[in-house]
Amino acid sequence: MRKLIYTLVVVSLVVSCNQPDEKYSLRVNLENSGGKYIKLLYVEDRKYVVFDSVLAVTGSFAEMTGHLDGLRTMYLTMENSYGTIQLLMENSSYEISGSLEDPVITSDSKAQNDLNGYSEGLRPIDDQMNRVRNAMIAQSENKEMRDSLRDVYYTLYDLRDNYDSVYMAGHPDSYASVIALREIFYMYDAEGLETVLSSLDPSFAEMKEYQYMKGKLERMKAVAVGQPFPDFGMQTPEGEMLRVSDVHHDNLLLIDFWASWCGPCRRANPEMIEIYNDYRGRGFDILGVSLDRDYASWVKAIADDRLPWHQISDLKYWNSEGAEIYGVAAIPYSVLIDREGKIAARDLHGTELRKAIESLL
């Protein structure tokens, strides 16, 4: 009997030692949250997935606790709401009050406090962008006013990008610098992105955003200027398999990554048609690679924009095989392949693209 009791005690101790001691504690009391579920979300394949949730009671803090393996970017929201609060979650304490639009976040997490400071600096720009966005919606019937407001919005977007660059340069030891870089990393070539990533604190390599950008960097190196183009194939709207090599044929080829839902892509199409018509008789061609996921929308956009060149897609959205191979992080995006089959330039538009074409024909 003594042996049995001793064995049970040992087993109990082993089990308890294997249980994680560290936990996160999340206390939430948001405006208008009474009777609604507060949800803690993470992103997987560009979709929100519920990680934890709790039913809120008016006038009191709703609480969630649990264990996390490392640091994760998560988003807090509540039932029947579209807004989210970005959080850098780890096994620390978090208290959130205020509203979804204007939260007050206190935490003993350095990562979260870094993010709080970064977000506070962005607030004036984001507030202006929200006002301009709402004004654009209100002026939906006034094209001239809407276009004018869109120009203002793009100017603010540039200011936001500049803020991210300045923040990173001044805060290499801030977790929020990884978040800032994730917003603008597509603006860098492989060498520039590698330099910025290496300037950040090595401990940030555990963050999924860092790992994502590191993976993109490796793919960018594989398709750097001067490298032979990686071949791939997808289906045309008619259901036939077409490969990049089928269109290249020793031509100067532009691979144009786009989608029917991408406003900037659609606005760039008229100029792209002009470029195509000006050079197609001299050995220049274009292959459109769509990041669509709906066949009907893809085909309608081709017809509406009157795109005359070959089109292919696997309808996998951002999981497009072609986009993965070429390290595409934002669209519109293009890759120019010379007659010898080597990558000559990336992400050129307008006058710059024309100059590159002229120099290679």
Protein backbone atom coordinates (compact mmCIF):
# COMPACT_ATOMS: atom_id res chain seq x y z
CA MET A 1 0.00 0.00 0.00
CA ARG A 2 2.87 2.35 0.86
CA LYS A 3 4.47 1.62 -2.52
CA LEU A 4 1.19 2.47 -4.27
CA ILE A 5 0.82 5.76 -2.41
CA TYR A 6 4.48 6.65 -3.15
CA THR A 7 4.00 5.88 -6.84
CA LEU A 8 0.90 8.07 -7.02
CA VAL A 9 2.72 10.95 -5.36
CA VAL A 10 5.64 10.69 -7.81
CA VAL A 11 3.29 10.57 -10.81
CA SER A 12 1.42 13.59 -9.44
CA LEU A 13 4.65 15.55 -9.07
CA VAL A 14 5.81 14.65 -12.58
CA VAL A 15 2.50 15.71 -14.12
CA SER A 16 2.43 18.98 -12.19
CA CYS A 17 6.03 19.74 -13.20
CA ASN A 18 5.12 19.24 -16.86
CA GLN A 19 2.27 21.74 -16.70
CA PRO A 20 3.20 25.25 -17.92
CA ASP A 21 3.44 27.71 -15.05
CA GLU A 22 3.41 30.81 -17.24
CA LYS A 23 0.05 32.09 -18.41
CA TYR A 24 -1.40 35.12 -20.08
CA SER A 25 -4.07 37.09 -18.28
CA LEU A 26 -6.36 39.26 -20.39
CA ARG A 27 -8.91 41.51 -18.68
CA VAL A 28 -11.29 43.41 -20.97
CA ASN A 29 -13.96 46.02 -20.28
CA LEU A 30 -14.89 47.70 -23.57
CA GLU A 31 -17.68 50.16 -24.24
CA ASN A 32 -20.95 48.51 -25.35
CA SER A 33 -19.56 45.01 -24.76
CA GLY A 34 -22.14 43.88 -22.19
CA GLY A 35 -23.88 40.70 -23.27
CA LYS A 36 -21.49 40.19 -26.19
CA TYR A 37 -18.66 37.74 -26.69
CA ILE A 38 -15.16 39.20 -26.53
CA LYS A 39 -12.96 37.27 -28.98
CA LEU A 40 -9.21 36.85 -29.19
CA LEU A 41 -8.19 36.09 -32.77
CA TYR A 42 -5.09 35.16 -34.73
CA VAL A 43 -4.55 35.18 -38.49
CA GLU A 44 -3.99 32.04 -40.52
CA ASP A 45 -3.96 32.07 -44.33
CA ARG A 46 -5.17 35.70 -44.19
CA LYS A 47 -8.27 34.69 -42.22
CA TYR A 48 -9.20 35.38 -38.61
CA VAL A 49 -9.37 32.30 -36.38
CA VAL A 50 -10.82 32.40 -32.85
CA PHE A 51 -8.18 31.51 -30.23
CA ASP A 52 -10.16 32.33 -27.08
CA SER A 53 -13.44 34.03 -26.16
CA VAL A 54 -15.53 35.06 -23.16
CA LEU A 55 -19.01 36.50 -22.60
CA ALA A 56 -18.80 40.06 -21.26
CA VAL A 57 -21.01 41.39 -18.44
CA THR A 58 -21.88 45.09 -18.32
CA GLY A 59 -19.79 47.05 -15.85
CA SER A 60 -17.19 44.38 -15.11
CA PHE A 61 -14.01 43.03 -16.66
CA ALA A 62 -14.26 39.88 -18.77
CA GLU A 63 -11.25 37.66 -18.23
CA MET A 64 -9.36 35.15 -20.35
CA THR A 65 -6.35 33.14 -19.26
CA GLY A 66 -4.23 30.50 -20.90
CA HIS A 67 -0.75 29.51 -21.99
CA LEU A 68 1.15 30.65 -25.09
CA ASP A 69 4.29 29.16 -26.56
CA GLY A 70 6.23 32.32 -27.30
CA LEU A 71 5.05 35.65 -28.69
CA ARG A 72 2.09 35.91 -31.07
CA THR A 73 0.36 38.76 -32.83
CA MET A 74 -3.34 38.60 -32.01
CA TYR A 75 -6.42 40.73 -32.43
CA LEU A 76 -9.18 41.52 -29.95
CA THR A 77 -12.72 42.17 -31.11
CA MET A 78 -16.26 41.71 -29.90
CA GLU A 79 -19.36 40.09 -31.31
CA ASN A 80 -21.04 41.89 -34.23
CA SER A 81 -18.16 44.37 -34.57
CA TYR A 82 -15.71 44.94 -37.42
CA GLY A 83 -12.95 46.77 -35.55
CA THR A 84 -10.00 44.99 -33.93
CA ILE A 85 -7.28 45.84 -31.43
CA GLN A 86 -3.83 44.54 -32.31
CA LEU A 87 -1.95 42.88 -29.47
CA LEU A 88 1.47 41.30 -29.05
CA MET A 89 0.45 38.42 -26.81
CA GLU A 90 2.73 36.41 -24.57
CA ASN A 91 2.46 34.97 -21.08
CA SER A 92 1.96 38.38 -19.44
CA SER A 93 -0.92 40.42 -18.07
CA TYR A 94 -3.07 42.71 -20.23
CA GLU A 95 -5.89 45.05 -19.28
CA ILE A 96 -7.94 46.74 -21.99
CA SER A 97 -10.62 49.40 -21.58
CA GLY A 98 -12.03 52.21 -23.70
CA SER A 99 -13.44 51.25 -27.10
CA LEU A 100 -12.40 49.18 -30.08
CA GLU A 101 -11.65 52.40 -31.94
CA ASP A 102 -9.76 54.08 -29.07
CA PRO A 103 -8.51 51.42 -26.63
CA VAL A 104 -6.51 51.95 -23.45
CA ILE A 105 -4.03 49.09 -23.04
CA THR A 106 -1.87 48.45 -19.99
CA SER A 107 0.49 45.48 -19.76
CA ASP A 108 3.69 44.23 -18.17
CA SER A 109 4.78 42.91 -21.57
CA LYS A 110 7.68 44.82 -23.17
CA ALA A 111 6.48 43.73 -26.60
CA GLN A 112 3.01 45.17 -25.99
CA ASN A 113 4.39 48.41 -24.55
CA ASP A 114 6.60 48.76 -27.63
CA LEU A 115 3.50 48.33 -29.78
CA ASN A 116 1.57 50.86 -27.69
CA GLY A 117 4.24 53.50 -28.30
CA TYR A 118 4.41 52.75 -32.01
CA SER A 119 0.61 52.92 -32.36
CA GLU A 120 0.41 56.19 -30.47
CA GLY A 121 2.82 57.78 -32.94
CA LEU A 122 0.72 56.54 -35.86
CA ARG A 123 -2.55 57.72 -34.38
CA PRO A 124 -2.66 61.23 -36.00
CA ILE A 125 -2.03 59.75 -39.47
CA ASP A 126 -4.50 56.90 -39.01
CA ASP A 127 -7.17 59.31 -37.75
CA GLN A 128 -6.75 61.46 -40.85
CA MET A 129 -6.87 58.40 -43.11
CA ASN A 130 -10.12 57.28 -41.47
CA ARG A 131 -11.67 60.72 -41.98
CA VAL A 132 -10.64 60.79 -45.65
CA ARG A 133 -11.90 57.22 -46.15
CA ASN A 134 -15.29 58.14 -44.69
CA ALA A 135 -15.41 61.25 -46.87
CA MET A 136 -14.73 59.11 -49.96
CA ILE A 137 -17.67 56.89 -49.04
CA ALA A 138 -19.89 59.94 -48.56
CA GLN A 139 -18.83 61.27 -51.98
CA SER A 140 -19.37 57.99 -53.81
CA GLU A 141 -21.54 59.69 -56.44
CA ASN A 142 -19.12 62.60 -57.03
CA LYS A 143 -16.25 61.17 -59.09
CA GLU A 144 -14.20 64.37 -59.17
CA MET A 145 -14.35 64.82 -55.41
CA ARG A 146 -13.73 61.12 -54.80
CA ASP A 147 -10.62 61.16 -57.01
CA SER A 148 -9.34 64.24 -55.21
CA LEU A 149 -9.85 62.59 -51.83
CA ARG A 150 -8.12 59.44 -53.10
CA ASP A 151 -5.02 61.51 -53.89
CA VAL A 152 -5.08 62.85 -50.33
CA TYR A 153 -5.44 59.32 -49.02
CA TYR A 154 -2.41 58.12 -50.99
CA THR A 155 -0.38 61.05 -49.66
CA LEU A 156 -1.29 60.01 -46.12
CA TYR A 157 -0.38 56.43 -46.98
CA ASP A 158 3.08 57.64 -48.00
CA LEU A 159 3.37 59.48 -44.68
CA ARG A 160 2.49 56.27 -42.88
CA ASP A 161 5.18 54.37 -44.78
CA ASN A 162 7.69 57.09 -43.91
CA TYR A 163 6.73 56.86 -40.23
CA ASP A 164 7.39 53.09 -40.33
CA SER A 165 10.84 53.65 -41.86
CA VAL A 166 11.78 56.33 -39.32
CA TYR A 167 10.47 54.24 -36.41
CA MET A 168 12.50 51.19 -37.42
CA ALA A 169 15.68 53.20 -37.80
CA GLY A 170 15.27 54.70 -34.34
CA HIS A 171 14.04 51.58 -32.52
CA PRO A 172 16.02 48.50 -33.58
CA ASP A 173 15.33 46.94 -30.14
CA SER A 174 11.55 47.43 -30.34
CA TYR A 175 9.24 44.51 -31.10
CA ALA A 176 7.05 47.01 -32.93
CA SER A 177 9.82 47.52 -35.50
CA VAL A 178 9.00 44.04 -36.82
CA ILE A 179 5.35 45.09 -37.16
CA ALA A 180 6.42 48.31 -38.89
CA LEU A 181 8.67 46.44 -41.32
CA ARG A 182 5.89 43.95 -42.10
CA GLU A 183 3.87 46.93 -43.39
CA ILE A 184 6.52 48.14 -45.85
CA PHE A 185 8.95 45.28 -46.51
CA TYR A 186 7.64 44.88 -50.08
CA MET A 187 9.25 48.24 -50.87
CA TYR A 188 12.74 46.75 -50.44
CA ASP A 189 14.82 44.67 -52.81
CA ALA A 190 16.50 41.54 -51.45
CA GLU A 191 19.67 43.33 -50.37
CA GLY A 192 17.76 46.12 -48.63
CA LEU A 193 15.40 43.75 -46.82
CA GLU A 194 18.30 41.61 -45.62
CA THR A 195 20.05 44.71 -44.27
CA VAL A 196 16.98 45.88 -42.36
CA LEU A 197 16.19 42.44 -40.93
CA SER A 198 19.77 42.01 -39.73
CA SER A 199 19.65 45.41 -38.01
CA LEU A 200 16.85 44.28 -35.69
CA ASP A 201 17.35 42.53 -32.36
CA PRO A 202 18.10 38.82 -33.05
CA SER A 203 15.51 37.76 -30.46
CA PHE A 204 12.74 39.00 -32.77
CA ALA A 205 13.39 36.06 -35.09
CA GLU A 206 10.79 34.08 -33.10
CA MET A 207 7.99 36.36 -34.34
CA LYS A 208 5.87 34.97 -37.16
CA GLU A 209 6.07 38.30 -39.01
CA TYR A 210 9.87 38.07 -38.96
CA GLN A 211 9.79 34.46 -40.16
CA TYR A 212 7.35 35.39 -42.94
CA MET A 213 9.65 38.18 -44.18
CA LYS A 214 12.70 35.92 -43.89
CA GLY A 215 10.94 33.37 -46.09
CA LYS A 216 10.05 36.06 -48.62
CA LEU A 217 13.67 37.22 -48.59
CA GLU A 218 14.92 33.75 -49.52
CA ARG A 219 12.48 33.61 -52.43
CA MET A 220 13.47 37.13 -53.50
CA LYS A 221 17.10 36.04 -53.65
CA ALA A 222 16.15 33.13 -55.89
CA VAL A 223 14.46 35.51 -58.34
CA ALA A 224 16.91 38.39 -58.09
CA VAL A 225 17.91 40.40 -61.15
CA GLY A 226 20.34 38.33 -63.22
CA GLN A 227 18.92 34.95 -62.17
CA PRO A 228 17.24 32.61 -64.69
CA PHE A 229 13.47 32.88 -64.43
CA PRO A 230 11.71 30.08 -62.50
CA ASP A 231 9.13 28.42 -64.71
CA PHE A 232 5.62 27.56 -63.57
CA GLY A 233 2.26 26.85 -65.19
CA MET A 234 -1.40 27.52 -64.47
CA GLN A 235 -4.70 27.33 -66.29
CA THR A 236 -5.97 29.89 -68.76
CA PRO A 237 -9.61 31.05 -68.60
CA GLU A 238 -10.32 28.37 -71.21
CA GLY A 239 -8.96 25.66 -68.90
CA GLU A 240 -5.70 24.99 -70.76
CA MET A 241 -2.35 24.70 -68.98
CA LEU A 242 0.05 27.49 -69.94
CA ARG A 243 3.58 27.93 -68.64
CA VAL A 244 5.80 30.99 -68.52
CA SER A 245 8.20 29.24 -70.89
CA ASP A 246 5.36 28.75 -73.39
CA VAL A 247 4.97 32.51 -73.69
CA HIS A 248 8.62 33.54 -73.40
CA HIS A 249 9.88 31.99 -76.64
CA ASP A 250 13.00 34.18 -76.59
CA ASN A 251 10.79 37.26 -76.31
CA LEU A 252 11.12 40.07 -73.80
CA LEU A 253 8.40 39.01 -71.36
CA LEU A 254 6.67 40.90 -68.57
CA ILE A 255 4.96 38.76 -65.92
CA ASP A 256 2.18 40.95 -64.51
CA PHE A 257 0.81 39.87 -61.12
CA TRP A 258 -2.64 41.38 -60.58
CA ALA A 259 -6.24 40.60 -59.53
CA SER A 260 -9.76 41.72 -60.36
CA TRP A 261 -10.23 42.98 -56.77
CA CYS A 262 -7.02 45.08 -56.85
CA GLY A 263 -7.94 48.72 -57.51
CA PRO A 264 -4.40 49.92 -58.32
CA CYS A 265 -4.00 46.98 -60.72
CA ARG A 266 -7.14 47.87 -62.60
CA ARG A 267 -6.20 51.54 -62.78
CA ALA A 268 -2.79 50.60 -64.21
CA ASN A 269 -4.25 48.43 -66.98
CA PRO A 270 -4.94 51.21 -69.55
CA GLU A 271 -1.29 52.29 -69.48
CA MET A 272 -0.17 48.66 -69.61
CA ILE A 273 -2.27 48.17 -72.76
CA GLU A 274 -0.56 51.17 -74.36
CA ILE A 275 2.86 49.73 -73.56
CA TYR A 276 1.83 46.34 -74.93
CA ASN A 277 0.57 47.84 -78.19
CA ASP A 278 3.70 49.98 -78.62
CA TYR A 279 6.17 47.09 -78.27
CA ARG A 280 4.41 43.82 -79.11
CA GLY A 281 5.54 43.99 -82.74
CA ARG A 282 9.17 44.15 -81.62
CA GLY A 283 9.29 40.95 -79.58
CA PHE A 284 7.63 42.06 -76.34
CA ASP A 285 4.86 40.12 -74.62
CA ILE A 286 2.94 40.10 -71.32
CA LEU A 287 1.68 37.22 -69.22
CA GLY A 288 -0.99 38.10 -66.65
CA VAL A 289 -0.94 36.04 -63.44
CA SER A 290 -4.09 36.63 -61.41
CA LEU A 291 -4.34 36.32 -57.63
CA ASP A 292 -8.09 35.96 -57.91
CA ARG A 293 -10.10 33.28 -56.15
CA ASP A 294 -13.37 33.67 -58.08
CA TYR A 295 -13.35 32.54 -61.71
CA ALA A 296 -16.25 34.73 -62.82
CA SER A 297 -14.71 37.90 -61.35
CA TRP A 298 -11.37 37.12 -62.98
CA VAL A 299 -12.84 36.55 -66.43
CA LYS A 300 -15.12 39.59 -66.18
CA ALA A 301 -12.17 41.85 -65.29
CA ILE A 302 -10.21 40.58 -68.31
CA ALA A 303 -13.18 41.39 -70.55
CA ASP A 304 -14.05 44.73 -68.91
CA ASP A 305 -10.45 45.99 -69.11
CA ARG A 306 -9.98 44.48 -72.59
CA LEU A 307 -6.70 42.84 -71.74
CA PRO A 308 -5.28 41.30 -74.96
CA TRP A 309 -2.42 39.22 -73.55
CA HIS A 310 -2.32 35.69 -72.12
CA GLN A 311 -3.83 35.19 -68.67
CA ILE A 312 -3.38 32.37 -66.15
CA SER A 313 -4.43 31.68 -62.56
CA ASP A 314 -4.82 28.87 -60.04
CA LEU A 315 -7.50 30.90 -58.19
CA LYS A 316 -5.67 30.50 -54.88
CA TYR A 317 -5.63 34.18 -53.91
CA TRP A 318 -2.42 35.00 -51.98
CA ASN A 319 -1.48 31.32 -51.99
CA SER A 320 -0.99 31.51 -55.74
CA GLU A 321 1.89 29.26 -56.76
CA GLY A 322 3.34 31.90 -59.07
CA ALA A 323 3.19 34.60 -56.40
CA GLU A 324 4.89 32.27 -53.91
CA ILE A 325 7.68 31.39 -56.33
CA TYR A 326 8.39 35.03 -57.18
CA GLY A 327 8.09 36.32 -53.61
CA VAL A 328 5.17 38.61 -54.41
CA ALA A 329 4.06 40.52 -51.31
CA ALA A 330 1.86 43.21 -52.89
CA ILE A 331 0.18 43.83 -56.23
CA PRO A 332 0.40 45.18 -58.86
CA TYR A 333 3.82 43.61 -59.25
CA SER A 334 5.79 42.76 -62.36
CA VAL A 335 8.91 40.85 -63.38
CA LEU A 336 10.67 41.62 -66.67
CA ILE A 337 12.48 38.69 -68.32
CA ASP A 338 15.02 39.33 -71.07
CA ARG A 339 15.39 37.38 -74.30
CA GLU A 340 17.98 35.06 -72.73
CA GLY A 341 15.55 34.06 -69.99
CA LYS A 342 17.13 36.03 -67.16
CA ILE A 343 15.31 38.38 -64.82
CA ALA A 344 16.15 41.91 -65.97
CA ALA A 345 14.02 44.06 -63.66
CA ARG A 346 11.28 43.90 -61.06
CA ASP A 347 8.29 46.04 -60.18
CA LEU A 348 8.70 48.72 -62.84
CA HIS A 349 5.86 50.94 -64.00
CA GLY A 350 5.18 53.70 -66.52
CA THR A 351 8.23 55.55 -67.84
CA GLU A 352 10.69 53.32 -65.98
CA LEU A 353 9.18 50.21 -67.55
CA ARG A 354 9.31 51.78 -71.03
CA LYS A 355 12.98 52.68 -70.59
CA ALA A 356 13.81 49.13 -69.50
CA ILE A 357 11.96 47.66 -72.48
CA GLU A 358 13.70 50.01 -74.91
CA SER A 359 17.12 49.10 -73.51
CA LEU A 360 16.47 45.36 -73.84
CA LEU A 361 14.81 45.17 -77.27
